[in-house]
Amino acid sequence: MYAVIQTGGKQYRVAPGDTVRVEKLDAETGASVELDKVLMLAKDDDIRVGTPYVDGGRVSATIKAHGRHKKVKIIKFRRRKHHMKRQGHRQWYTELEINEING
């Protein structure tokens, strides 16, 4: 069984027991989170697609950790103009462990 969920403006394919890094959620480490924006549910040959969300579809997960991704380096360069600008960015994430899928 698996589901496609939406959180933080992105979509993720999850199954029970998976560990997923999503955009940062405001909750403590070890807390339980219910994700109700389920776009699709699949169990063997039974596939349910929502319009836009599946009615009664929920994914429960536990927050394992918070952290930051590796640095993304941004370079802006103008040739022949003696101009170069460097910048870096590290995005926050929340690591979730998927416990169960209901629906």
PDB file of N, CA and C in Angstrom:
ATOM      1  N   MET A   1       0.845  -1.175   0.000  1.00  0.00           N
ATOM      2  CA  MET A   1       0.000   0.000   0.000  1.00  0.00           C
ATOM      3  C   MET A   1       0.890   1.238   0.000  1.00  0.00           C
ATOM      4  N   TYR A   2       0.495   2.227  -0.800  1.00  0.00           N
ATOM      5  CA  TYR A   2       1.218   3.487  -0.811  1.00  0.00           C
ATOM      6  C   TYR A   2       0.258   4.631  -1.074  1.00  0.00           C
ATOM      7  N   ALA A   3       0.751   5.846  -0.838  1.00  0.00           N
ATOM      8  CA  ALA A   3      -0.071   7.036  -1.042  1.00  0.00           C
ATOM      9  C   ALA A   3       0.806   8.145  -1.609  1.00  0.00           C
ATOM     10  N   VAL A   4       0.171   9.092  -2.282  1.00  0.00           N
ATOM     11  CA  VAL A   4       0.845  10.297  -2.742  1.00  0.00           C
ATOM     12  C   VAL A   4       0.264  11.442  -1.922  1.00  0.00           C
ATOM     13  N   ILE A   5       1.130  12.128  -1.168  1.00  0.00           N
ATOM     14  CA  ILE A   5       0.680  13.216  -0.297  1.00  0.00           C
ATOM     15  C   ILE A   5       1.268  14.534  -0.771  1.00  0.00           C
ATOM     16  N   GLN A   6       0.671  15.623  -0.308  1.00  0.00           N
ATOM     17  CA  GLN A   6       1.158  16.963  -0.622  1.00  0.00           C
ATOM     18  C   GLN A   6       1.438  17.695   0.681  1.00  0.00           C
ATOM     19  N   THR A   7       2.650  18.232   0.795  1.00  0.00           N
ATOM     20  CA  THR A   7       3.006  19.051   1.937  1.00  0.00           C
ATOM     21  C   THR A   7       4.139  19.983   1.526  1.00  0.00           C
ATOM     22  N   GLY A   8       4.054  21.216   1.938  1.00  0.00           N
ATOM     23  CA  GLY A   8       5.079  22.193   1.613  1.00  0.00           C
ATOM     24  C   GLY A   8       5.159  22.524   0.136  1.00  0.00           C
ATOM     25  N   GLY A   9       4.052  22.356  -0.597  1.00  0.00           N
ATOM     26  CA  GLY A   9       4.048  22.665  -2.017  1.00  0.00           C
ATOM     27  C   GLY A   9       4.663  21.593  -2.888  1.00  0.00           C
ATOM     28  N   LYS A  10       5.012  20.449  -2.305  1.00  0.00           N
ATOM     29  CA  LYS A  10       5.610  19.354  -3.059  1.00  0.00           C
ATOM     30  C   LYS A  10       4.788  18.080  -2.838  1.00  0.00           C
ATOM     31  N   GLN A  11       4.976  17.112  -3.721  1.00  0.00           N
ATOM     32  CA  GLN A  11       4.266  15.846  -3.629  1.00  0.00           C
ATOM     33  C   GLN A  11       5.256  14.728  -3.364  1.00  0.00           C
ATOM     34  N   TYR A  12       4.855  13.775  -2.506  1.00  0.00           N
ATOM     35  CA  TYR A  12       5.720  12.675  -2.115  1.00  0.00           C
ATOM     36  C   TYR A  12       4.952  11.367  -2.198  1.00  0.00           C
ATOM     37  N   ARG A  13       5.623  10.307  -2.679  1.00  0.00           N
ATOM     38  CA  ARG A  13       5.052   8.963  -2.681  1.00  0.00           C
ATOM     39  C   ARG A  13       5.569   8.270  -1.429  1.00  0.00           C
ATOM     40  N   VAL A  14       4.653   7.862  -0.547  1.00  0.00           N
ATOM     41  CA  VAL A  14       5.045   7.283   0.736  1.00  0.00           C
ATOM     42  C   VAL A  14       4.372   5.934   0.943  1.00  0.00           C
ATOM     43  N   ALA A  15       5.014   5.100   1.721  1.00  0.00           N
ATOM     44  CA  ALA A  15       4.487   3.796   2.126  1.00  0.00           C
ATOM     45  C   ALA A  15       4.800   3.632   3.609  1.00  0.00           C
ATOM     46  N   PRO A  16       4.062   2.777   4.320  1.00  0.00           N
ATOM     47  CA  PRO A  16       4.353   2.569   5.745  1.00  0.00           C
ATOM     48  C   PRO A  16       5.791   2.094   5.951  1.00  0.00           C
ATOM     49  N   GLY A  17       6.481   2.730   6.906  1.00  0.00           N
ATOM     50  CA  GLY A  17       7.865   2.389   7.193  1.00  0.00           C
ATOM     51  C   GLY A  17       8.886   3.266   6.479  1.00  0.00           C
ATOM     52  N   ASP A  18       8.434   4.084   5.517  1.00  0.00           N
ATOM     53  CA  ASP A  18       9.347   4.968   4.786  1.00  0.00           C
ATOM     54  C   ASP A  18       9.788   6.147   5.647  1.00  0.00           C
ATOM     55  N   THR A  19      10.958   6.694   5.326  1.00  0.00           N
ATOM     56  CA  THR A  19      11.447   7.921   5.936  1.00  0.00           C
ATOM     57  C   THR A  19      11.548   8.963   4.833  1.00  0.00           C
ATOM     58  N   VAL A  20      10.908  10.126   5.052  1.00  0.00           N
ATOM     59  CA  VAL A  20      10.815  11.157   4.027  1.00  0.00           C
ATOM     60  C   VAL A  20      11.273  12.484   4.615  1.00  0.00           C
ATOM     61  N   ARG A  21      12.022  13.255   3.827  1.00  0.00           N
ATOM     62  CA  ARG A  21      12.408  14.615   4.225  1.00  0.00           C
ATOM     63  C   ARG A  21      11.491  15.599   3.512  1.00  0.00           C
ATOM     64  N   VAL A  22      10.710  16.352   4.299  1.00  0.00           N
ATOM     65  CA  VAL A  22       9.761  17.321   3.753  1.00  0.00           C
ATOM     66  C   VAL A  22      10.158  18.715   4.216  1.00  0.00           C
ATOM     67  N   GLU A  23       9.473  19.730   3.673  1.00  0.00           N
ATOM     68  CA  GLU A  23       9.708  21.096   4.125  1.00  0.00           C
ATOM     69  C   GLU A  23       9.434  21.182   5.625  1.00  0.00           C
ATOM     70  N   LYS A  24      10.081  22.109   6.313  1.00  0.00           N
ATOM     71  CA  LYS A  24      10.020  22.185   7.771  1.00  0.00           C
ATOM     72  C   LYS A  24       8.587  22.333   8.288  1.00  0.00           C
ATOM     73  N   LEU A  25       8.244  21.500   9.278  1.00  0.00           N
ATOM     74  CA  LEU A  25       6.950  21.555   9.961  1.00  0.00           C
ATOM     75  C   LEU A  25       7.174  22.083  11.373  1.00  0.00           C
ATOM     76  N   ASP A  26       6.220  22.871  11.871  1.00  0.00           N
ATOM     77  CA  ASP A  26       6.344  23.430  13.212  1.00  0.00           C
ATOM     78  C   ASP A  26       5.779  22.456  14.240  1.00  0.00           C
ATOM     79  N   ALA A  27       6.608  21.514  14.663  1.00  0.00           N
ATOM     80  CA  ALA A  27       6.240  20.552  15.696  1.00  0.00           C
ATOM     81  C   ALA A  27       7.531  20.018  16.310  1.00  0.00           C
ATOM     82  N   GLU A  28       7.419  19.476  17.513  1.00  0.00           N
ATOM     83  CA  GLU A  28       8.582  18.972  18.234  1.00  0.00           C
ATOM     84  C   GLU A  28       9.013  17.604  17.701  1.00  0.00           C
ATOM     85  N   THR A  29      10.272  17.272  17.917  1.00  0.00           N
ATOM     86  CA  THR A  29      10.781  15.953  17.556  1.00  0.00           C
ATOM     87  C   THR A  29      10.070  14.894  18.400  1.00  0.00           C
ATOM     88  N   GLY A  30       9.624  13.828  17.774  1.00  0.00           N
ATOM     89  CA  GLY A  30       8.897  12.766  18.456  1.00  0.00           C
ATOM     90  C   GLY A  30       7.392  12.934  18.428  1.00  0.00           C
ATOM     91  N   ALA A  31       6.913  14.078  17.966  1.00  0.00           N
ATOM     92  CA  ALA A  31       5.470  14.323  17.902  1.00  0.00           C
ATOM     93  C   ALA A  31       4.859  13.561  16.728  1.00  0.00           C
ATOM     94  N   SER A  32       3.561  13.285  16.846  1.00  0.00           N
ATOM     95  CA  SER A  32       2.826  12.616  15.784  1.00  0.00           C
ATOM     96  C   SER A  32       2.131  13.662  14.920  1.00  0.00           C
ATOM     97  N   VAL A  33       2.159  13.451  13.611  1.00  0.00           N
ATOM     98  CA  VAL A  33       1.593  14.405  12.660  1.00  0.00           C
ATOM     99  C   VAL A  33       0.616  13.675  11.752  1.00  0.00           C
ATOM    100  N   GLU A  34      -0.545  14.302  11.500  1.00  0.00           N
ATOM    101  CA  GLU A  34      -1.532  13.766  10.560  1.00  0.00           C
ATOM    102  C   GLU A  34      -1.469  14.589   9.284  1.00  0.00           C
ATOM    103  N   LEU A  35      -1.210  13.943   8.161  1.00  0.00           N
ATOM    104  CA  LEU A  35      -1.193  14.607   6.864  1.00  0.00           C
ATOM    105  C   LEU A  35      -2.480  14.242   6.134  1.00  0.00           C
ATOM    106  N   ASP A  36      -3.346  15.245   5.881  1.00  0.00           N
ATOM    107  CA  ASP A  36      -4.657  14.946   5.304  1.00  0.00           C
ATOM    108  C   ASP A  36      -4.778  15.322   3.826  1.00  0.00           C
ATOM    109  N   LYS A  37      -3.742  15.898   3.249  1.00  0.00           N
ATOM    110  CA  LYS A  37      -3.775  16.221   1.823  1.00  0.00           C
ATOM    111  C   LYS A  37      -3.257  15.028   1.024  1.00  0.00           C
ATOM    112  N   VAL A  38      -4.107  14.011   0.896  1.00  0.00           N
ATOM    113  CA  VAL A  38      -3.756  12.783   0.196  1.00  0.00           C
ATOM    114  C   VAL A  38      -4.309  12.890  -1.221  1.00  0.00           C
ATOM    115  N   LEU A  39      -3.429  12.838  -2.207  1.00  0.00           N
ATOM    116  CA  LEU A  39      -3.836  12.976  -3.600  1.00  0.00           C
ATOM    117  C   LEU A  39      -4.225  11.642  -4.228  1.00  0.00           C
ATOM    118  N   MET A  40      -3.598  10.545  -3.766  1.00  0.00           N
ATOM    119  CA  MET A  40      -3.872   9.233  -4.338  1.00  0.00           C
ATOM    120  C   MET A  40      -3.581   8.149  -3.316  1.00  0.00           C
ATOM    121  N   LEU A  41      -4.409   7.109  -3.322  1.00  0.00           N
ATOM    122  CA  LEU A  41      -4.204   5.930  -2.491  1.00  0.00           C
ATOM    123  C   LEU A  41      -4.166   4.709  -3.393  1.00  0.00           C
ATOM    124  N   ALA A  42      -3.260   3.788  -3.123  1.00  0.00           N
ATOM    125  CA  ALA A  42      -3.174   2.566  -3.918  1.00  0.00           C
ATOM    126  C   ALA A  42      -2.926   1.382  -2.998  1.00  0.00           C
ATOM    127  N   LYS A  43      -3.721   0.340  -3.193  1.00  0.00           N
ATOM    128  CA  LYS A  43      -3.552  -0.912  -2.456  1.00  0.00           C
ATOM    129  C   LYS A  43      -3.772  -2.037  -3.452  1.00  0.00           C
ATOM    130  N   ASP A  44      -2.690  -2.726  -3.814  1.00  0.00           N
ATOM    131  CA  ASP A  44      -2.700  -3.763  -4.846  1.00  0.00           C
ATOM    132  C   ASP A  44      -3.244  -3.184  -6.154  1.00  0.00           C
ATOM    133  N   ASP A  45      -4.414  -3.656  -6.627  1.00  0.00           N
ATOM    134  CA  ASP A  45      -4.989  -3.163  -7.878  1.00  0.00           C
ATOM    135  C   ASP A  45      -6.030  -2.080  -7.662  1.00  0.00           C
ATOM    136  N   ASP A  46      -6.353  -1.779  -6.406  1.00  0.00           N
ATOM    137  CA  ASP A  46      -7.344  -0.753  -6.090  1.00  0.00           C
ATOM    138  C   ASP A  46      -6.648   0.603  -5.972  1.00  0.00           C
ATOM    139  N   ILE A  47      -6.931   1.500  -6.929  1.00  0.00           N
ATOM    140  CA  ILE A  47      -6.321   2.831  -6.933  1.00  0.00           C
ATOM    141  C   ILE A  47      -7.418   3.875  -6.839  1.00  0.00           C
ATOM    142  N   ARG A  48      -7.282   4.777  -5.850  1.00  0.00           N
ATOM    143  CA  ARG A  48      -8.243   5.875  -5.685  1.00  0.00           C
ATOM    144  C   ARG A  48      -7.521   7.194  -5.884  1.00  0.00           C
ATOM    145  N   VAL A  49      -8.029   7.994  -6.815  1.00  0.00           N
ATOM    146  CA  VAL A  49      -7.437   9.305  -7.111  1.00  0.00           C
ATOM    147  C   VAL A  49      -8.415  10.361  -6.656  1.00  0.00           C
ATOM    148  N   GLY A  50      -7.941  11.360  -5.925  1.00  0.00           N
ATOM    149  CA  GLY A  50      -8.802  12.405  -5.399  1.00  0.00           C
ATOM    150  C   GLY A  50      -9.022  13.534  -6.390  1.00  0.00           C
ATOM    151  N   THR A  51     -10.031  14.362  -6.088  1.00  0.00           N
ATOM    152  CA  THR A  51     -10.335  15.527  -6.920  1.00  0.00           C
ATOM    153  C   THR A  51     -10.467  16.758  -6.044  1.00  0.00           C
ATOM    154  N   PRO A  52      -9.498  17.433  -5.561  1.00  0.00           N
ATOM    155  CA  PRO A  52      -8.083  17.110  -5.673  1.00  0.00           C
ATOM    156  C   PRO A  52      -7.586  16.152  -4.591  1.00  0.00           C
ATOM    157  N   TYR A  53      -8.341  16.004  -3.483  1.00  0.00           N
ATOM    158  CA  TYR A  53      -7.889  15.135  -2.397  1.00  0.00           C
ATOM    159  C   TYR A  53      -8.849  13.968  -2.217  1.00  0.00           C
ATOM    160  N   VAL A  54      -8.322  12.851  -1.710  1.00  0.00           N
ATOM    161  CA  VAL A  54      -9.125  11.659  -1.438  1.00  0.00           C
ATOM    162  C   VAL A  54      -9.917  11.898  -0.163  1.00  0.00           C
ATOM    163  N   ASP A  55     -11.241  11.662  -0.211  1.00  0.00           N
ATOM    164  CA  ASP A  55     -12.098  11.829   0.966  1.00  0.00           C
ATOM    165  C   ASP A  55     -11.739  10.788   2.017  1.00  0.00           C
ATOM    166  N   GLY A  56     -11.473  11.251   3.236  1.00  0.00           N
ATOM    167  CA  GLY A  56     -11.153  10.347   4.343  1.00  0.00           C
ATOM    168  C   GLY A  56      -9.733   9.809   4.308  1.00  0.00           C
ATOM    169  N   GLY A  57      -8.927  10.266   3.407  1.00  0.00           N
ATOM    170  CA  GLY A  57      -7.542   9.789   3.321  1.00  0.00           C
ATOM    171  C   GLY A  57      -6.658  10.519   4.315  1.00  0.00           C
ATOM    172  N   ARG A  58      -5.914   9.762   5.116  1.00  0.00           N
ATOM    173  CA  ARG A  58      -5.009  10.346   6.102  1.00  0.00           C
ATOM    174  C   ARG A  58      -3.741   9.505   6.171  1.00  0.00           C
ATOM    175  N   VAL A  59      -2.631  10.202   6.400  1.00  0.00           N
ATOM    176  CA  VAL A  59      -1.350   9.534   6.606  1.00  0.00           C
ATOM    177  C   VAL A  59      -0.822  10.003   7.954  1.00  0.00           C
ATOM    178  N   SER A  60      -0.528   9.055   8.832  1.00  0.00           N
ATOM    179  CA  SER A  60       0.023   9.429  10.135  1.00  0.00           C
ATOM    180  C   SER A  60       1.531   9.171  10.123  1.00  0.00           C
ATOM    181  N   ALA A  61       2.264  10.125  10.684  1.00  0.00           N
ATOM    182  CA  ALA A  61       3.723  10.046  10.679  1.00  0.00           C
ATOM    183  C   ALA A  61       4.266  10.561  12.003  1.00  0.00           C
ATOM    184  N   THR A  62       5.504  10.188  12.289  1.00  0.00           N
ATOM    185  CA  THR A  62       6.207  10.640  13.484  1.00  0.00           C
ATOM    186  C   THR A  62       7.420  11.451  13.048  1.00  0.00           C
ATOM    187  N   ILE A  63       7.635  12.582  13.721  1.00  0.00           N
ATOM    188  CA  ILE A  63       8.778  13.431  13.392  1.00  0.00           C
ATOM    189  C   ILE A  63      10.023  12.834  14.037  1.00  0.00           C
ATOM    190  N   LYS A  64      11.008  12.492  13.195  1.00  0.00           N
ATOM    191  CA  LYS A  64      12.256  11.917  13.693  1.00  0.00           C
ATOM    192  C   LYS A  64      13.292  12.983  13.999  1.00  0.00           C
ATOM    193  N   ALA A  65      13.403  13.994  13.122  1.00  0.00           N
ATOM    194  CA  ALA A  65      14.446  15.010  13.312  1.00  0.00           C
ATOM    195  C   ALA A  65      14.150  16.239  12.474  1.00  0.00           C
ATOM    196  N   HIS A  66      14.801  17.330  12.837  1.00  0.00           N
ATOM    197  CA  HIS A  66      14.816  18.555  12.043  1.00  0.00           C
ATOM    198  C   HIS A  66      16.265  18.798  11.636  1.00  0.00           C
ATOM    199  N   GLY A  67      16.462  19.408  10.486  1.00  0.00           N
ATOM    200  CA  GLY A  67      17.832  19.671  10.066  1.00  0.00           C
ATOM    201  C   GLY A  67      17.875  20.593   8.870  1.00  0.00           C
ATOM    202  N   ARG A  68      19.064  20.676   8.271  1.00  0.00           N
ATOM    203  CA  ARG A  68      19.266  21.514   7.096  1.00  0.00           C
ATOM    204  C   ARG A  68      19.958  20.694   6.015  1.00  0.00           C
ATOM    205  N   HIS A  69      19.543  20.904   4.766  1.00  0.00           N
ATOM    206  CA  HIS A  69      20.148  20.217   3.628  1.00  0.00           C
ATOM    207  C   HIS A  69      21.566  20.732   3.387  1.00  0.00           C
ATOM    208  N   LYS A  70      22.254  20.102   2.443  1.00  0.00           N
ATOM    209  CA  LYS A  70      23.572  20.581   2.045  1.00  0.00           C
ATOM    210  C   LYS A  70      23.442  21.948   1.380  1.00  0.00           C
ATOM    211  N   LYS A  71      24.527  22.699   1.399  1.00  0.00           N
ATOM    212  CA  LYS A  71      24.507  24.052   0.846  1.00  0.00           C
ATOM    213  C   LYS A  71      24.375  24.022  -0.677  1.00  0.00           C
ATOM    214  N   VAL A  72      23.491  24.874  -1.183  1.00  0.00           N
ATOM    215  CA  VAL A  72      23.347  25.090  -2.609  1.00  0.00           C
ATOM    216  C   VAL A  72      24.092  26.380  -2.917  1.00  0.00           C
ATOM    217  N   LYS A  73      25.038  26.296  -3.844  1.00  0.00           N
ATOM    218  CA  LYS A  73      25.844  27.467  -4.182  1.00  0.00           C
ATOM    219  C   LYS A  73      25.246  28.180  -5.388  1.00  0.00           C
ATOM    220  N   ILE A  74      25.101  29.492  -5.272  1.00  0.00           N
ATOM    221  CA  ILE A  74      24.541  30.320  -6.325  1.00  0.00           C
ATOM    222  C   ILE A  74      25.633  31.278  -6.778  1.00  0.00           C
ATOM    223  N   ILE A  75      25.913  31.312  -8.069  1.00  0.00           N
ATOM    224  CA  ILE A  75      26.912  32.225  -8.617  1.00  0.00           C
ATOM    225  C   ILE A  75      26.259  33.038  -9.735  1.00  0.00           C
ATOM    226  N   LYS A  76      26.326  34.351  -9.598  1.00  0.00           N
ATOM    227  CA  LYS A  76      25.849  35.249 -10.652  1.00  0.00           C
ATOM    228  C   LYS A  76      27.083  35.887 -11.277  1.00  0.00           C
ATOM    229  N   PHE A  77      27.223  35.739 -12.569  1.00  0.00           N
ATOM    230  CA  PHE A  77      28.432  36.155 -13.257  1.00  0.00           C
ATOM    231  C   PHE A  77      28.072  36.917 -14.520  1.00  0.00           C
ATOM    232  N   ARG A  78      28.707  38.085 -14.714  1.00  0.00           N
ATOM    233  CA  ARG A  78      28.533  38.874 -15.931  1.00  0.00           C
ATOM    234  C   ARG A  78      29.881  38.910 -16.652  1.00  0.00           C
ATOM    235  N   ARG A  79      29.950  38.322 -17.796  1.00  0.00           N
ATOM    236  CA  ARG A  79      31.221  38.290 -18.507  1.00  0.00           C
ATOM    237  C   ARG A  79      31.597  39.687 -19.011  1.00  0.00           C
ATOM    238  N   ARG A  80      32.888  39.937 -18.993  1.00  0.00           N
ATOM    239  CA  ARG A  80      33.488  41.200 -19.453  1.00  0.00           C
ATOM    240  C   ARG A  80      33.050  42.420 -18.636  1.00  0.00           C
ATOM    241  N   LYS A  81      32.409  42.249 -17.504  1.00  0.00           N
ATOM    242  CA  LYS A  81      31.924  43.386 -16.714  1.00  0.00           C
ATOM    243  C   LYS A  81      32.589  43.466 -15.340  1.00  0.00           C
ATOM    244  N   HIS A  82      33.524  42.571 -15.042  1.00  0.00           N
ATOM    245  CA  HIS A  82      34.179  42.505 -13.735  1.00  0.00           C
ATOM    246  C   HIS A  82      33.148  42.399 -12.606  1.00  0.00           C
ATOM    247  N   HIS A  83      32.191  41.501 -12.819  1.00  0.00           N
ATOM    248  CA  HIS A  83      31.133  41.335 -11.822  1.00  0.00           C
ATOM    249  C   HIS A  83      30.915  39.847 -11.559  1.00  0.00           C
ATOM    250  N   MET A  84      31.017  39.444 -10.294  1.00  0.00           N
ATOM    251  CA  MET A  84      30.681  38.084  -9.898  1.00  0.00           C
ATOM    252  C   MET A  84      30.162  38.135  -8.469  1.00  0.00           C
ATOM    253  N   LYS A  85      29.031  37.495  -8.245  1.00  0.00           N
ATOM    254  CA  LYS A  85      28.405  37.492  -6.928  1.00  0.00           C
ATOM    255  C   LYS A  85      28.190  36.045  -6.508  1.00  0.00           C
ATOM    256  N   ARG A  86      28.587  35.700  -5.299  1.00  0.00           N
ATOM    257  CA  ARG A  86      28.416  34.342  -4.781  1.00  0.00           C
ATOM    258  C   ARG A  86      27.472  34.379  -3.592  1.00  0.00           C
ATOM    259  N   GLN A  87      26.661  33.343  -3.516  1.00  0.00           N
ATOM    260  CA  GLN A  87      25.702  33.247  -2.424  1.00  0.00           C
ATOM    261  C   GLN A  87      25.446  31.772  -2.146  1.00  0.00           C
ATOM    262  N   GLY A  88      25.090  31.441  -0.918  1.00  0.00           N
ATOM    263  CA  GLY A  88      24.770  30.073  -0.555  1.00  0.00           C
ATOM    264  C   GLY A  88      23.447  30.017   0.188  1.00  0.00           C
ATOM    265  N   HIS A  89      22.817  28.838   0.163  1.00  0.00           N
ATOM    266  CA  HIS A  89      21.526  28.673   0.834  1.00  0.00           C
ATOM    267  C   HIS A  89      21.420  27.250   1.370  1.00  0.00           C
ATOM    268  N   ARG A  90      20.940  27.128   2.593  1.00  0.00           N
ATOM    269  CA  ARG A  90      20.669  25.820   3.195  1.00  0.00           C
ATOM    270  C   ARG A  90      19.218  25.797   3.635  1.00  0.00           C
ATOM    271  N   GLN A  91      18.431  24.885   3.056  1.00  0.00           N
ATOM    272  CA  GLN A  91      16.999  24.798   3.323  1.00  0.00           C
ATOM    273  C   GLN A  91      16.737  23.910   4.536  1.00  0.00           C
ATOM    274  N   TRP A  92      15.833  24.338   5.398  1.00  0.00           N
ATOM    275  CA  TRP A  92      15.421  23.531   6.549  1.00  0.00           C
ATOM    276  C   TRP A  92      14.530  22.382   6.086  1.00  0.00           C
ATOM    277  N   TYR A  93      14.605  21.250   6.783  1.00  0.00           N
ATOM    278  CA  TYR A  93      13.732  20.113   6.495  1.00  0.00           C
ATOM    279  C   TYR A  93      13.296  19.445   7.790  1.00  0.00           C
ATOM    280  N   THR A  94      12.235  18.647   7.670  1.00  0.00           N
ATOM    281  CA  THR A  94      11.748  17.801   8.753  1.00  0.00           C
ATOM    282  C   THR A  94      11.756  16.369   8.245  1.00  0.00           C
ATOM    283  N   GLU A  95      12.337  15.477   9.006  1.00  0.00           N
ATOM    284  CA  GLU A  95      12.405  14.071   8.618  1.00  0.00           C
ATOM    285  C   GLU A  95      11.238  13.331   9.266  1.00  0.00           C
ATOM    286  N   LEU A  96      10.388  12.732   8.435  1.00  0.00           N
ATOM    287  CA  LEU A  96       9.195  12.024   8.912  1.00  0.00           C
ATOM    288  C   LEU A  96       9.344  10.528   8.711  1.00  0.00           C
ATOM    289  N   GLU A  97       8.831   9.763   9.662  1.00  0.00           N
ATOM    290  CA  GLU A  97       8.715   8.311   9.484  1.00  0.00           C
ATOM    291  C   GLU A  97       7.225   8.002   9.359  1.00  0.00           C
ATOM    292  N   ILE A  98       6.850   7.392   8.250  1.00  0.00           N
ATOM    293  CA  ILE A  98       5.440   7.102   7.969  1.00  0.00           C
ATOM    294  C   ILE A  98       5.017   5.877   8.778  1.00  0.00           C
ATOM    295  N   ASN A  99       3.972   6.050   9.603  1.00  0.00           N
ATOM    296  CA  ASN A  99       3.492   4.948  10.440  1.00  0.00           C
ATOM    297  C   ASN A  99       2.392   4.149   9.757  1.00  0.00           C
ATOM    298  N   GLU A 100       1.327   4.827   9.326  1.00  0.00           N
ATOM    299  CA  GLU A 100       0.232   4.121   8.689  1.00  0.00           C
ATOM    300  C   GLU A 100      -0.508   5.025   7.711  1.00  0.00           C
ATOM    301  N   ILE A 101      -1.210   4.371   6.800  1.00  0.00           N
ATOM    302  CA  ILE A 101      -2.008   5.066   5.790  1.00  0.00           C
ATOM    303  C   ILE A 101      -3.458   4.623   5.971  1.00  0.00           C
ATOM    304  N   ASN A 102      -4.347   5.608   6.162  1.00  0.00           N
ATOM    305  CA  ASN A 102      -5.774   5.302   6.338  1.00  0.00           C
ATOM    306  C   ASN A 102      -6.557   5.857   5.149  1.00  0.00           C
ATOM    307  N   GLY A 103      -7.611   5.159   4.785  1.00  0.00           N
ATOM    308  CA  GLY A 103      -8.449   5.655   3.713  1.00  0.00           C
ATOM    309  C   GLY A 103      -9.087   4.520   3.021  1.00  0.00           C
TER     310      GLY A 103
END
